[in-house]
């Protein structure tokens, strides 16, 4: 599925900040390890698609791979710095929906760590730290240096400099509880939430989706595409039309906790008007 711009029913001043905040959130989460990375050593003409990635505590983009009898690093097996292109893709939270949430793209230089001392000095965290701890010195760990990172999502292209890596190095509060709450919400209720934004009853922003000819890939009238601390992103379908709809969550007045997103989501559902009989119009 692809998307085309669609005027949001909310004023531009209300829509701009949530859109920018969500783009930055998605970028940080993808850099921190969400999604699947593919590295291309474009001068050698080789691709590595089995690596995992993340950001170290010091704000460096790190990749790790485990060579074995059935998989070698090929042209990536060198002590020299390697010029690479990195492409990281993240799909919809609802895996029944064949929709790509976003992708990151960058050009940079990959340098493999030469020993376990260098690896230890990186300050690995998350899945990278777990992999090194579980597998040990057989893991090849490298650092990618870059100056520019591009996010592609339904809103278009957003460019960031390397400073975004420092933001991604800070672990964000877990949204697992919110994710579970949204994913367990009935598709019809998700459709009501999306319709409320499309009809300018709830704040938010929307983008039109170009649907594939085979609309059988759409299982329900609405799907959860993404959740973060500040908003829920939905895909809404009716007939041959589709929208990506982002709904901001109310911010807690106190220090955030893991349950605040769930409480905000429930309050949002309670604020919905009576269910509509007709579908929204573009």
Protein backbone atom coordinates (compact mmCIF):
# COMPACT_ATOMS: atom_id res chain seq x y z
CA UNK A 1 0.00 0.00 0.00
CA UNK A 2 1.12 3.55 -0.66
CA UNK A 3 -0.22 6.88 0.50
CA UNK A 4 -1.03 10.28 -0.89
CA UNK A 5 -1.46 13.52 1.02
CA UNK A 6 -4.95 14.34 2.25
CA UNK A 7 -5.96 17.54 3.99
CA UNK A 8 -6.42 16.93 7.69
CA UNK A 9 -9.80 17.89 9.12
CA UNK A 10 -7.98 19.59 12.00
CA UNK A 11 -6.33 23.01 11.64
CA UNK A 12 -2.73 22.95 10.47
CA UNK A 13 -1.52 24.48 13.72
CA UNK A 14 -2.99 21.53 15.64
CA UNK A 15 -1.82 18.87 13.22
CA UNK A 16 1.78 19.99 12.69
CA UNK A 17 3.17 19.26 16.15
CA UNK A 18 1.68 15.75 16.54
CA UNK A 19 2.91 14.81 13.08
CA UNK A 20 6.43 16.02 13.77
CA UNK A 21 6.45 14.39 17.20
CA UNK A 22 5.29 11.07 15.78
CA UNK A 23 7.88 11.18 12.99
CA UNK A 24 10.63 11.77 15.54
CA UNK A 25 9.25 9.02 17.79
CA UNK A 26 9.15 6.49 14.94
CA UNK A 27 12.68 7.44 13.86
CA UNK A 28 14.04 7.01 17.38
CA UNK A 29 12.30 3.67 17.90
CA UNK A 30 13.48 2.29 14.56
CA UNK A 31 17.06 3.36 15.26
CA UNK A 32 16.85 1.80 18.73
CA UNK A 33 16.13 -1.62 17.26
CA UNK A 34 12.59 -1.85 15.94
CA UNK A 35 12.22 -3.07 12.36
CA UNK A 36 14.54 -5.06 10.09
CA UNK A 37 17.84 -3.71 8.79
CA UNK A 38 19.55 -4.45 5.48
CA UNK A 39 23.12 -3.31 4.87
CA UNK A 40 24.53 -2.85 1.38
CA UNK A 41 28.26 -2.53 0.77
CA UNK A 42 27.60 -0.72 -2.47
CA UNK A 43 31.19 -0.66 -3.72
CA UNK A 44 31.49 -4.44 -3.24
CA UNK A 45 27.96 -5.06 -4.47
CA UNK A 46 27.05 -7.22 -1.46
CA UNK A 47 24.10 -7.15 0.92
CA UNK A 48 23.78 -8.28 4.54
CA UNK A 49 20.22 -8.84 5.74
CA UNK A 50 20.76 -11.02 8.82
CA UNK A 51 22.10 -8.34 11.18
CA UNK A 52 20.36 -6.81 14.18
CA UNK A 53 20.78 -3.17 15.12
CA UNK A 54 20.34 -0.65 17.89
CA UNK A 55 21.85 2.43 19.51
CA UNK A 56 24.49 2.27 22.24
CA UNK A 57 24.22 4.26 25.46
CA UNK A 58 26.74 6.70 23.99
CA UNK A 59 24.52 7.34 20.95
CA UNK A 60 26.23 5.23 18.29
CA UNK A 61 24.37 3.21 15.66
CA UNK A 62 25.50 -0.39 16.17
CA UNK A 63 24.94 -3.56 14.13
CA UNK A 64 25.70 -7.17 15.04
CA UNK A 65 25.80 -10.38 13.04
CA UNK A 66 26.66 -14.03 13.73
CA UNK A 67 28.61 -15.70 10.91
CA UNK A 68 28.36 -19.50 10.77
CA UNK A 69 28.77 -22.46 8.41
CA UNK A 70 25.64 -21.51 6.47
CA UNK A 71 26.15 -17.76 6.43
CA UNK A 72 29.36 -15.78 5.99
CA UNK A 73 29.97 -12.07 5.96
CA UNK A 74 31.39 -12.23 2.43
CA UNK A 75 32.54 -8.78 1.35
CA UNK A 76 31.69 -7.50 4.82
CA UNK A 77 34.46 -9.68 6.27
CA UNK A 78 37.26 -7.13 6.31
CA UNK A 79 39.27 -5.12 8.82
CA UNK A 80 38.87 -2.01 6.67
CA UNK A 81 36.10 0.54 6.99
CA UNK A 82 33.19 -0.22 4.64
CA UNK A 83 31.01 2.33 2.91
CA UNK A 84 27.44 1.13 3.37
CA UNK A 85 23.85 2.02 2.81
CA UNK A 86 21.49 1.02 5.61
CA UNK A 87 17.78 0.51 5.01
CA UNK A 88 15.55 -0.25 8.01
CA UNK A 89 11.86 -1.04 7.54
CA UNK A 90 9.09 -1.22 10.14
CA UNK A 91 5.69 -2.71 9.34
CA UNK A 92 2.25 -2.21 10.84
CA UNK A 93 1.74 -3.28 14.46
CA UNK A 94 -1.16 -5.43 13.21
CA UNK A 95 0.67 -8.04 11.15
CA UNK A 96 -2.54 -9.07 9.39
CA UNK A 97 -2.32 -5.79 7.51
CA UNK A 98 0.23 -5.61 4.69
CA UNK A 99 1.16 -2.01 5.41
CA UNK A 100 4.63 -0.56 5.93
CA UNK A 101 4.60 2.00 8.71
CA UNK A 102 7.93 3.64 7.86
CA UNK A 103 11.48 3.11 6.66
CA UNK A 104 14.83 4.72 7.47
CA UNK A 105 17.65 5.20 4.98
CA UNK A 106 21.20 6.39 5.46
CA UNK A 107 24.68 6.32 3.98
CA UNK A 108 27.61 5.81 6.28
CA UNK A 109 30.81 3.99 7.16
CA UNK A 110 30.80 0.64 8.96
CA UNK A 111 33.72 -0.24 11.19
CA UNK A 112 33.85 -3.65 12.89
CA UNK A 113 35.09 -3.82 16.48
CA UNK A 114 38.42 -5.61 16.64
CA UNK A 115 38.04 -7.32 20.02
CA UNK A 116 35.73 -7.84 22.98
CA UNK A 117 37.27 -4.85 24.76
CA UNK A 118 36.06 -2.53 22.00
CA UNK A 119 32.63 -4.15 22.11
CA UNK A 120 32.44 -3.71 25.87
CA UNK A 121 33.33 -0.03 25.59
CA UNK A 122 30.32 0.67 23.37
CA UNK A 123 27.78 0.44 26.17
CA UNK A 124 25.41 -1.91 24.36
CA UNK A 125 21.78 -2.13 25.46
CA UNK A 126 18.59 -3.90 24.45
CA UNK A 127 18.70 -6.74 21.93
CA UNK A 128 22.34 -6.04 21.08
CA UNK A 129 23.47 -6.52 24.67
CA UNK A 130 21.36 -9.68 24.93
CA UNK A 131 22.85 -11.10 21.74
CA UNK A 132 26.45 -10.48 22.80
CA UNK A 133 25.77 -11.92 26.25
CA UNK A 134 24.06 -15.04 24.86
CA UNK A 135 26.42 -15.82 21.96
CA UNK A 136 29.73 -14.35 23.10
CA UNK A 137 32.75 -13.51 20.96
CA UNK A 138 31.35 -15.19 17.83
CA UNK A 139 29.18 -12.10 17.32
CA UNK A 140 30.65 -9.50 14.96
CA UNK A 141 29.77 -6.04 16.26
CA UNK A 142 30.25 -2.87 14.25
CA UNK A 143 29.53 0.86 14.43
CA UNK A 144 28.02 2.85 11.57
CA UNK A 145 29.00 6.51 11.37
CA UNK A 146 26.58 8.74 9.46
CA UNK A 147 25.65 12.40 9.17
CA UNK A 148 22.13 12.24 7.73
CA UNK A 149 19.14 9.95 8.28
CA UNK A 150 15.97 9.98 6.17
CA UNK A 151 12.57 8.83 7.41
CA UNK A 152 10.03 7.78 4.79
CA UNK A 153 6.44 7.48 6.05
CA UNK A 154 2.92 8.30 4.92
CA UNK A 155 3.60 12.02 5.42
CA UNK A 156 6.58 12.06 3.06
CA UNK A 157 10.30 12.36 3.78
CA UNK A 158 11.82 13.84 6.95
CA UNK A 159 15.56 14.43 7.29
CA UNK A 160 17.48 14.26 10.57
CA UNK A 161 21.12 14.82 11.39
CA UNK A 162 23.17 12.44 13.52
CA UNK A 163 21.99 14.15 16.72
CA UNK A 164 18.81 12.04 16.55
CA UNK A 165 20.95 9.07 17.62
CA UNK A 166 21.50 10.65 21.04
CA UNK A 167 17.73 10.84 21.52
CA UNK A 168 17.36 7.19 20.48
CA UNK A 169 20.01 6.17 23.03
CA UNK A 170 17.66 7.06 25.89
CA UNK A 171 15.37 4.15 26.63
CA UNK A 172 11.72 5.19 26.28
CA UNK A 173 9.09 3.98 28.77
CA UNK A 174 7.45 0.73 27.72
CA UNK A 175 4.27 0.97 25.66
CA UNK A 176 3.55 -2.77 25.80
CA UNK A 177 0.44 -2.31 27.96
CA UNK A 178 -0.94 0.36 25.63
CA UNK A 179 -0.14 -1.79 22.60
CA UNK A 180 -2.05 -4.71 24.10
CA UNK A 181 -5.00 -2.48 25.00
CA UNK A 182 -5.31 -1.05 21.49
CA UNK A 183 -4.77 -4.40 19.78
CA UNK A 184 -7.52 -5.95 21.90
CA UNK A 185 -10.00 -3.20 20.98
CA UNK A 186 -12.70 -4.33 18.53
CA UNK A 187 -12.12 -3.29 14.92
CA UNK A 188 -15.49 -1.53 14.86
CA UNK A 189 -14.46 0.60 17.84
CA UNK A 190 -11.15 1.46 16.19
CA UNK A 191 -13.17 2.53 13.16
CA UNK A 192 -15.28 4.79 15.41
CA UNK A 193 -12.10 6.42 16.75
CA UNK A 194 -10.77 7.01 13.24
CA UNK A 195 -14.13 8.36 12.06
CA UNK A 196 -14.21 10.83 14.95
CA UNK A 197 -10.89 12.28 13.73
CA UNK A 198 -12.01 12.27 10.10
CA UNK A 199 -15.20 14.10 11.11
CA UNK A 200 -13.26 16.65 13.22
CA UNK A 201 -14.80 15.46 16.49
CA UNK A 202 -11.46 14.35 17.94
CA UNK A 203 -8.15 16.12 17.23
CA UNK A 204 -5.61 14.37 15.04
CA UNK A 205 -4.35 14.19 11.48
CA UNK A 206 -5.01 11.97 8.49
CA UNK A 207 -3.39 10.84 5.25
CA UNK A 208 -5.14 9.16 2.35
CA UNK A 209 -3.98 5.65 1.44
CA UNK A 210 -3.85 4.30 -2.10
CA UNK A 211 -5.26 0.80 -1.78
CA UNK A 212 -4.00 -2.14 -3.86
CA UNK A 213 -6.28 -3.62 -6.49
CA UNK A 214 -6.61 -6.71 -4.32
CA UNK A 215 -8.55 -5.23 -1.41
CA UNK A 216 -8.86 -8.67 0.19
CA UNK A 217 -5.64 -7.84 2.06
CA UNK A 218 -7.79 -5.60 4.29
CA UNK A 219 -9.29 -7.84 6.96
CA UNK A 220 -11.24 -5.32 9.07
CA UNK A 221 -12.64 -1.78 8.78
CA UNK A 222 -9.79 -0.50 10.98
CA UNK A 223 -6.41 -1.75 12.18
CA UNK A 224 -3.82 -0.53 14.68
CA UNK A 225 -0.73 0.61 12.78
CA UNK A 226 1.42 2.00 15.61
CA UNK A 227 1.38 3.13 19.23
CA UNK A 228 3.72 5.35 21.18
CA UNK A 229 3.50 7.31 24.42
CA UNK A 230 1.71 10.22 22.79
CA UNK A 231 -0.62 8.83 20.14
CA UNK A 232 -2.27 5.86 18.46
CA UNK A 233 -2.06 5.47 14.69
CA UNK A 234 -4.83 3.60 12.89
CA UNK A 235 -5.61 2.53 9.33
CA UNK A 236 -9.27 3.06 8.38
CA UNK A 237 -10.88 1.40 5.36
CA UNK A 238 -14.29 1.78 3.77
CA UNK A 239 -15.10 0.56 0.28
CA UNK A 240 -12.18 1.39 -1.98
CA UNK A 241 -10.89 4.20 0.25
CA UNK A 242 -8.37 4.19 3.05
CA UNK A 243 -6.78 6.59 5.53
CA UNK A 244 -3.97 6.59 8.04
CA UNK A 245 -5.34 8.34 11.13
CA UNK A 246 -3.30 9.51 14.10
CA UNK A 247 -5.08 10.19 17.39
CA UNK A 248 -3.18 12.06 20.15
CA UNK A 249 -3.55 10.68 23.67
CA UNK A 250 -4.21 13.02 26.62
CA UNK A 251 -1.01 13.75 28.53
CA UNK A 252 -0.96 12.88 32.24
CA UNK A 253 -0.53 15.75 34.69
CA UNK A 254 1.88 13.67 36.77
CA UNK A 255 5.03 11.67 36.01
CA UNK A 256 4.18 9.11 33.29
CA UNK A 257 3.81 5.45 34.16
CA UNK A 258 3.33 2.30 32.10
CA UNK A 259 -0.44 2.42 32.71
CA UNK A 260 -0.97 6.06 31.75
CA UNK A 261 -1.31 5.24 28.06
CA UNK A 262 -3.91 2.58 28.82
CA UNK A 263 -5.90 4.98 31.01
CA UNK A 264 -5.72 7.70 28.33
CA UNK A 265 -6.88 5.22 25.68
CA UNK A 266 -9.87 4.18 27.79
CA UNK A 267 -10.80 7.80 28.43
CA UNK A 268 -10.59 8.47 24.70
CA UNK A 269 -12.93 5.54 24.00
CA UNK A 270 -15.36 6.78 26.66
CA UNK A 271 -15.46 10.18 24.94
CA UNK A 272 -16.60 8.75 21.60
CA UNK A 273 -20.04 9.85 20.35
CA UNK A 274 -22.70 7.30 19.47
CA UNK A 275 -21.67 4.95 16.68
CA UNK A 276 -22.23 6.30 13.20
CA UNK A 277 -24.47 4.66 10.64
CA UNK A 278 -22.61 5.96 7.61
CA UNK A 279 -18.91 5.91 6.79
CA UNK A 280 -16.89 9.15 6.75
CA UNK A 281 -16.50 11.05 3.54
CA UNK A 282 -13.17 12.41 2.33
